C-alpha atoms as a PDB file:
ATOM      1  CA  MET A   1     -28.965 -79.294  61.539  1.00  0.00           C
ATOM      2  CA  SER A   2     -25.598 -78.213  62.875  1.00  0.00           C
ATOM      3  CA  CYS A   3     -22.961 -76.455  60.865  1.00  0.00           C
ATOM      4  CA  GLU A   4     -19.282 -77.381  61.229  1.00  0.00           C
ATOM      5  CA  GLU A   5     -16.473 -75.004  60.387  1.00  0.00           C
ATOM      6  CA  ILE A   6     -14.097 -76.258  57.732  1.00  0.00           C
ATOM      7  CA  ARG A   7     -10.626 -74.743  57.935  1.00  0.00           C
ATOM      8  CA  MET A   8      -8.820 -74.188  54.642  1.00  0.00           C
ATOM      9  CA  PHE A   9      -5.043 -73.981  54.494  1.00  0.00           C
ATOM     10  CA  ALA A  10      -2.731 -72.678  51.821  1.00  0.00           C
ATOM     11  CA  VAL A  11       0.092 -75.026  50.916  1.00  0.00           C
ATOM     12  CA  LYS A  12       3.741 -74.035  50.686  1.00  0.00           C
ATOM     13  CA  PHE A  13       7.060 -75.874  50.435  1.00  0.00           C
ATOM     14  CA  GLY A  14       9.728 -74.610  52.794  1.00  0.00           C
ATOM     15  CA  GLN A  15      13.460 -74.377  52.113  1.00  0.00           C
ATOM     16  CA  ASP A  16      13.853 -77.781  53.741  1.00  0.00           C
ATOM     17  CA  PHE A  17      11.308 -79.200  51.215  1.00  0.00           C
ATOM     18  CA  ASP A  18       8.850 -80.035  53.983  1.00  0.00           C
ATOM     19  CA  LEU A  19       5.200 -79.393  53.183  1.00  0.00           C
ATOM     20  CA  TYR A  20       3.696 -76.579  55.254  1.00  0.00           C
ATOM     21  CA  PHE A  21       0.087 -75.494  55.845  1.00  0.00           C
ATOM     22  CA  ALA A  22      -0.391 -71.754  56.304  1.00  0.00           C
ATOM     23  CA  ASP A  23      -3.025 -70.288  58.601  1.00  0.00           C
ATOM     24  CA  ASP A  24      -3.473 -66.963  60.366  1.00  0.00           C
ATOM     25  CA  GLU A  25      -0.756 -67.819  62.876  1.00  0.00           C
ATOM     26  CA  GLY A  26       1.920 -68.827  60.395  1.00  0.00           C
ATOM     27  CA  LEU A  27       3.177 -72.065  58.850  1.00  0.00           C
ATOM     28  CA  GLU A  28       2.518 -75.593  60.083  1.00  0.00           C
ATOM     29  CA  CYS A  29       4.554 -78.599  58.974  1.00  0.00           C
ATOM     30  CA  ASP A  30       2.996 -81.924  57.950  1.00  0.00           C
ATOM     31  CA  ASN A  31       5.656 -84.218  59.459  1.00  0.00           C
ATOM     32  CA  TRP A  32       6.904 -85.026  62.945  1.00  0.00           C
ATOM     33  CA  LYS A  33      10.026 -83.310  64.218  1.00  0.00           C
ATOM     34  CA  LYS A  34      11.646 -84.123  67.525  1.00  0.00           C
ATOM     35  CA  GLU A  35      11.251 -81.273  70.007  1.00  0.00           C
ATOM     36  CA  HIS A  36      12.954 -82.547  73.150  1.00  0.00           C
ATOM     37  CA  SER A  37      13.754 -85.684  75.117  1.00  0.00           C
ATOM     38  CA  LEU A  38      13.526 -86.796  78.735  1.00  0.00           C
ATOM     39  CA  GLN A  39      16.335 -89.128  79.772  1.00  0.00           C
ATOM     40  CA  HIS A  40      16.646 -91.633  82.631  1.00  0.00           C
ATOM     41  CA  GLN A  41      12.918 -92.400  82.785  1.00  0.00           C
ATOM     42  CA  ILE A  42      11.590 -95.670  84.183  1.00  0.00           C
ATOM     43  CA  PHE A  43       8.274 -97.355  83.440  1.00  0.00           C
ATOM     44  CA  ARG A  44       6.277 -99.051  86.168  1.00  0.00           C
ATOM     45  CA  ASN A  45       3.052-101.015  85.964  1.00  0.00           C
ATOM     46  CA  THR A  46       0.291-100.866  88.583  1.00  0.00           C
ATOM     47  CA  SER A  47       2.105-103.610  90.547  1.00  0.00           C
ATOM     48  CA  ASN A  48       5.097-101.240  90.889  1.00  0.00           C
ATOM     49  CA  GLN A  49       7.273-103.483  88.707  1.00  0.00           C
ATOM     50  CA  VAL A  50       9.882-101.901  86.437  1.00  0.00           C
ATOM     51  CA  LEU A  51      10.066-102.474  82.678  1.00  0.00           C
ATOM     52  CA  VAL A  52      13.400-104.151  81.856  1.00  0.00           C
ATOM     53  CA  VAL A  53      14.779-104.661  78.333  1.00  0.00           C
ATOM     54  CA  GLN A  54      17.529-107.276  77.883  1.00  0.00           C
ATOM     55  CA  PRO A  55      19.234-108.758  74.818  1.00  0.00           C
ATOM     56  CA  GLY A  56      18.688-112.491  74.345  1.00  0.00           C
ATOM     57  CA  PRO A  57      20.056-115.253  72.098  1.00  0.00           C
ATOM     58  CA  GLU A  58      20.134-114.855  68.295  1.00  0.00           C
ATOM     59  CA  ASN A  59      19.686-111.057  68.388  1.00  0.00           C
ATOM     60  CA  THR A  60      16.374-111.288  70.265  1.00  0.00           C
ATOM     61  CA  VAL A  61      15.436-108.715  72.883  1.00  0.00           C
ATOM     62  CA  THR A  62      13.173-109.510  75.840  1.00  0.00           C
ATOM     63  CA  ASN A  63      11.007-106.991  77.674  1.00  0.00           C
ATOM     64  CA  VAL A  64       9.398-107.857  81.001  1.00  0.00           C
ATOM     65  CA  PHE A  65       8.295-106.101  84.167  1.00  0.00           C
ATOM     66  CA  GLU A  66      10.331-107.091  87.217  1.00  0.00           C
ATOM     67  CA  SER A  67      10.617-106.060  90.847  1.00  0.00           C
ATOM     68  CA  MET A  68      13.834-104.077  91.171  1.00  0.00           C
ATOM     69  CA  ALA A  69      15.434-101.998  93.915  1.00  0.00           C
ATOM     70  CA  ASP A  70      16.641 -98.484  93.117  1.00  0.00           C
ATOM     71  CA  GLN A  71      20.302 -99.436  93.672  1.00  0.00           C
ATOM     72  CA  GLU A  72      19.986-102.128  90.980  1.00  0.00           C
ATOM     73  CA  MET A  73      19.021 -99.564  88.332  1.00  0.00           C
ATOM     74  CA  ILE A  74      22.527 -98.899  87.084  1.00  0.00           C
ATOM     75  CA  PRO A  75      23.191 -97.355  83.644  1.00  0.00           C
ATOM     76  CA  GLY A  76      22.997 -99.894  80.841  1.00  0.00           C
ATOM     77  CA  CYS A  77      20.859-102.403  82.750  1.00  0.00           C
ATOM     78  CA  GLY A  78      17.890-101.889  80.437  1.00  0.00           C
ATOM     79  CA  VAL A  79      15.617 -99.711  82.572  1.00  0.00           C
ATOM     80  CA  HIS A  80      16.894 -96.237  81.615  1.00  0.00           C
ATOM     81  CA  PHE A  81      14.430 -95.099  78.954  1.00  0.00           C
ATOM     82  CA  THR A  82      14.509 -91.884  76.976  1.00  0.00           C
ATOM     83  CA  ILE A  83      11.164 -90.427  75.938  1.00  0.00           C
ATOM     84  CA  HIS A  84      11.439 -88.480  72.688  1.00  0.00           C
ATOM     85  CA  TYR A  85       8.685 -85.890  72.168  1.00  0.00           C
ATOM     86  CA  TYR A  86       7.690 -84.889  68.650  1.00  0.00           C
ATOM     87  CA  LYS A  87       5.818 -81.852  67.382  1.00  0.00           C
ATOM     88  CA  ASP A  88       2.610 -82.524  65.466  1.00  0.00           C
ATOM     89  CA  TYR A  89       0.280 -79.716  64.403  1.00  0.00           C
ATOM     90  CA  THR A  90      -2.666 -81.949  63.530  1.00  0.00           C
ATOM     91  CA  LEU A  91      -2.819 -84.196  66.614  1.00  0.00           C
ATOM     92  CA  GLU A  92      -5.161 -82.942  69.337  1.00  0.00           C
ATOM     93  CA  GLU A  93      -5.689 -86.101  71.397  1.00  0.00           C
ATOM     94  CA  GLY A  94      -2.235 -86.439  72.951  1.00  0.00           C
ATOM     95  CA  LEU A  95       1.521 -86.072  72.510  1.00  0.00           C
ATOM     96  CA  PRO A  96       3.455 -88.100  69.899  1.00  0.00           C
ATOM     97  CA  VAL A  97       6.390 -89.854  71.575  1.00  0.00           C
ATOM     98  CA  ALA A  98       8.996 -92.510  70.836  1.00  0.00           C
ATOM     99  CA  PHE A  99      10.960 -94.615  73.313  1.00  0.00           C
ATOM    100  CA  SER A 100      14.572 -95.739  73.368  1.00  0.00           C
ATOM    101  CA  VAL A 101      16.528 -97.584  76.029  1.00  0.00           C
ATOM    102  CA  LEU A 102      20.238 -98.023  76.721  1.00  0.00           C
ATOM    103  CA  VAL A 103      21.311-101.657  77.162  1.00  0.00           C
ATOM    104  CA  GLU A 104      25.013-102.524  77.484  1.00  0.00           C
ATOM    105  CA  ASN A 105      26.085 -99.369  75.591  1.00  0.00           C
ATOM    106  CA  LYS A 106      23.627-100.013  72.755  1.00  0.00           C
ATOM    107  CA  THR A 107      20.477 -98.018  72.021  1.00  0.00           C
ATOM    108  CA  TYR A 108      17.274 -99.923  71.295  1.00  0.00           C
ATOM    109  CA  CYS A 109      14.084 -98.363  69.949  1.00  0.00           C
ATOM    110  CA  MET A 110      10.598 -99.648  70.842  1.00  0.00           C
ATOM    111  CA  TYR A 111       8.299-100.438  67.921  1.00  0.00           C
ATOM    112  CA  CYS A 112       5.059-102.291  67.195  1.00  0.00           C
ATOM    113  CA  THR A 113       4.746-105.057  64.623  1.00  0.00           C
ATOM    114  CA  HIS A 114       2.700-108.044  63.425  1.00  0.00           C
ATOM    115  CA  GLU A 115       3.981-111.516  64.289  1.00  0.00           C
ATOM    116  CA  SER A 116       2.095-114.757  63.658  1.00  0.00           C
ATOM    117  CA  GLY A 117      -1.126-112.822  63.135  1.00  0.00           C
ATOM    118  CA  GLU A 118      -0.785-110.885  66.402  1.00  0.00           C
ATOM    119  CA  LYS A 119       0.163-107.298  67.131  1.00  0.00           C
ATOM    120  CA  THR A 120       3.123-107.095  69.478  1.00  0.00           C
ATOM    121  CA  ILE A 121       5.915-104.901  70.874  1.00  0.00           C
ATOM    122  CA  ARG A 122       9.580-105.396  69.999  1.00  0.00           C
ATOM    123  CA  PHE A 123      12.880-103.534  70.343  1.00  0.00           C
ATOM    124  CA  ARG A 124      15.471-103.067  67.592  1.00  0.00           C
ATOM    125  CA  GLU A 125      18.940-101.585  67.772  1.00  0.00           C
ATOM    126  CA  GLU A 126      18.695 -98.093  66.296  1.00  0.00           C
ATOM    127  CA  GLU A 127      18.649 -94.421  67.163  1.00  0.00           C
ATOM    128  CA  VAL A 128      15.326 -92.598  67.179  1.00  0.00           C
ATOM    129  CA  PRO A 129      15.125 -90.354  64.077  1.00  0.00           C
ATOM    130  CA  ARG A 130      14.987 -86.573  64.358  1.00  0.00           C
ATOM    131  CA  GLU A 131      12.198 -86.387  61.777  1.00  0.00           C
ATOM    132  CA  ILE A 132       9.480 -88.797  60.648  1.00  0.00           C
ATOM    133  CA  HIS A 133       7.785 -88.002  57.348  1.00  0.00           C
ATOM    134  CA  GLU A 134       4.892 -90.499  57.497  1.00  0.00           C
ATOM    135  CA  GLN A 135       1.486 -89.841  59.071  1.00  0.00           C
ATOM    136  CA  SER A 136       1.876 -92.986  61.190  1.00  0.00           C
ATOM    137  CA  SER A 137       4.969 -94.814  62.364  1.00  0.00           C
ATOM    138  CA  ASP A 138       5.734 -98.088  64.107  1.00  0.00           C
ATOM    139  CA  ILE A 139       7.817 -96.210  66.706  1.00  0.00           C
ATOM    140  CA  ILE A 140       5.385 -93.363  67.478  1.00  0.00           C
ATOM    141  CA  PHE A 141       2.911 -93.703  70.339  1.00  0.00           C
ATOM    142  CA  ILE A 142       0.324 -91.169  71.458  1.00  0.00           C
ATOM    143  CA  GLN A 143       0.799 -90.275  75.119  1.00  0.00           C
ATOM    144  CA  LYS A 144      -2.545 -89.631  76.847  1.00  0.00           C
ATOM    145  CA  SER A 145      -3.264 -88.687  80.446  1.00  0.00           C
ATOM    146  CA  VAL A 146      -5.093 -91.178  82.616  1.00  0.00           C
ATOM    147  CA  SER A 147      -6.665 -88.445  84.743  1.00  0.00           C
ATOM    148  CA  PRO A 148      -5.882 -84.889  85.903  1.00  0.00           C
ATOM    149  CA  ILE A 149      -5.116 -86.262  89.370  1.00  0.00           C
ATOM    150  CA  HIS A 150      -2.485 -88.814  88.308  1.00  0.00           C
ATOM    151  CA  THR A 151       0.082 -86.576  86.612  1.00  0.00           C
ATOM    152  CA  LYS A 152       2.686 -89.342  86.126  1.00  0.00           C
ATOM    153  CA  ALA A 153       0.302 -92.043  84.866  1.00  0.00           C
ATOM    154  CA  PHE A 154      -0.312 -92.328  81.126  1.00  0.00           C
ATOM    155  CA  LYS A 155      -1.772 -94.462  78.357  1.00  0.00           C
ATOM    156  CA  PHE A 156       0.236 -94.944  75.169  1.00  0.00           C
ATOM    157  CA  GLU A 157      -1.651 -95.684  71.949  1.00  0.00           C
ATOM    158  CA  SER A 158       0.145 -96.900  68.821  1.00  0.00           C
ATOM    159  CA  SER A 159      -0.042 -94.333  66.013  1.00  0.00           C
ATOM    160  CA  LEU A 160       0.249 -97.167  63.481  1.00  0.00           C
ATOM    161  CA  MET A 161      -2.270 -99.526  65.092  1.00  0.00           C
ATOM    162  CA  ARG A 162      -4.958 -97.225  66.436  1.00  0.00           C
ATOM    163  CA  GLY A 163      -6.991 -98.660  69.286  1.00  0.00           C
ATOM    164  CA  TYR A 164      -3.980-100.656  70.553  1.00  0.00           C
ATOM    165  CA  PHE A 165      -2.161 -99.560  73.712  1.00  0.00           C
ATOM    166  CA  LEU A 166       0.998-100.488  75.553  1.00  0.00           C
ATOM    167  CA  ALA A 167      -0.048-102.811  78.365  1.00  0.00           C
ATOM    168  CA  PHE A 168       1.302-105.436  80.718  1.00  0.00           C
ATOM    169  CA  GLN A 169       0.123-109.022  80.799  1.00  0.00           C
ATOM    170  CA  LYS A 170       0.954-111.549  83.491  1.00  0.00           C
ATOM    171  CA  GLU A 171       2.493-114.794  82.232  1.00  0.00           C
ATOM    172  CA  GLU A 172       3.325-117.222  85.044  1.00  0.00           C
ATOM    173  CA  ASP A 173       5.828-115.404  87.285  1.00  0.00           C
ATOM    174  CA  LEU A 174       6.456-112.521  84.862  1.00  0.00           C
ATOM    175  CA  SER A 175       4.562-109.561  83.458  1.00  0.00           C
ATOM    176  CA  LYS A 176       5.268-108.907  79.798  1.00  0.00           C
ATOM    177  CA  LEU A 177       4.940-105.700  77.766  1.00  0.00           C
ATOM    178  CA  ILE A 178       2.297-106.188  75.075  1.00  0.00           C
ATOM    179  CA  LEU A 179      -0.021-104.315  72.715  1.00  0.00           C
ATOM    180  CA  LYS A 180      -3.617-104.542  73.880  1.00  0.00           C
ATOM    181  CA  GLN A 181      -6.748-103.567  72.008  1.00  0.00           C
ATOM    182  CA  CYS A 182      -8.950-101.163  73.918  1.00  0.00           C
ATOM    183  CA  GLU A 183     -12.167-100.336  72.082  1.00  0.00           C
ATOM    184  CA  ASN A 184     -13.461 -97.984  74.769  1.00  0.00           C
ATOM    185  CA  GLU A 185     -10.777 -95.720  76.208  1.00  0.00           C
ATOM    186  CA  ASP A 186     -13.094 -94.406  78.912  1.00  0.00           C
ATOM    187  CA  GLN A 187     -13.432 -97.889  80.403  1.00  0.00           C
ATOM    188  CA  VAL A 188     -11.097 -98.436  83.364  1.00  0.00           C
ATOM    189  CA  ASP A 189      -8.355-100.888  82.360  1.00  0.00           C
ATOM    190  CA  GLU A 190      -5.371-100.664  84.691  1.00  0.00           C
ATOM    191  CA  SER A 191      -3.294-102.977  82.490  1.00  0.00           C
ATOM    192  CA  ILE A 192      -2.767-100.085  80.042  1.00  0.00           C
ATOM    193  CA  TYR A 193      -1.770 -97.595  82.757  1.00  0.00           C
ATOM    194  CA  MET A 194       1.959 -96.866  82.915  1.00  0.00           C
ATOM    195  CA  THR A 195       3.682 -94.701  85.508  1.00  0.00           C
ATOM    196  CA  VAL A 196       6.668 -92.733  84.242  1.00  0.00           C
ATOM    197  CA  SER A 197       9.219 -91.261  86.640  1.00  0.00           C
ATOM    198  CA  GLN A 198      12.835 -90.189  86.589  1.00  0.00           C
ATOM    199  CA  ILE A 199      15.579 -92.291  88.139  1.00  0.00           C
ATOM    200  CA  ASN A 200      17.122 -90.436  91.070  1.00  0.00           C
END
């Protein structure tokens, strides 16, 4: 029979009324706080297509992967993403991140939701919050490395819908951004691999 170590933490409320867990190294907070952001990032699928977000009719927002030349990636065209990194003391499997994109001088935030019985990805006009007080959020994704060799390729799992990852799915002439269930992460599924790089 094996014995597992159980770590006990003292609880303390800070001056900001956040709940902290004290250990030998100091205080740890129980919510997510934004640490830093990377601007002007683009997302590509394994077909080297770029993720483009565009407003549509009746306040809808479309998100598809398209072939696009570097000179077409002008500010506000819907490909300039900002990746917002959050601090989380309890998460060991990856980095909590949120995504926003600038489209025609408006900021849209990526989130996951249920529609017609299906889990899907949408964008809404809002700024990404500095702090998130829930243990899961529709805008937080867990960034995980694909392999040590591919340093710019990642998988992004929904923190709200665990086991579901950002993925691309071909529909006729387009590839659409979707949420895809992946029961075994170790299985090779290139549709959930996203390459992230900075626009030059």
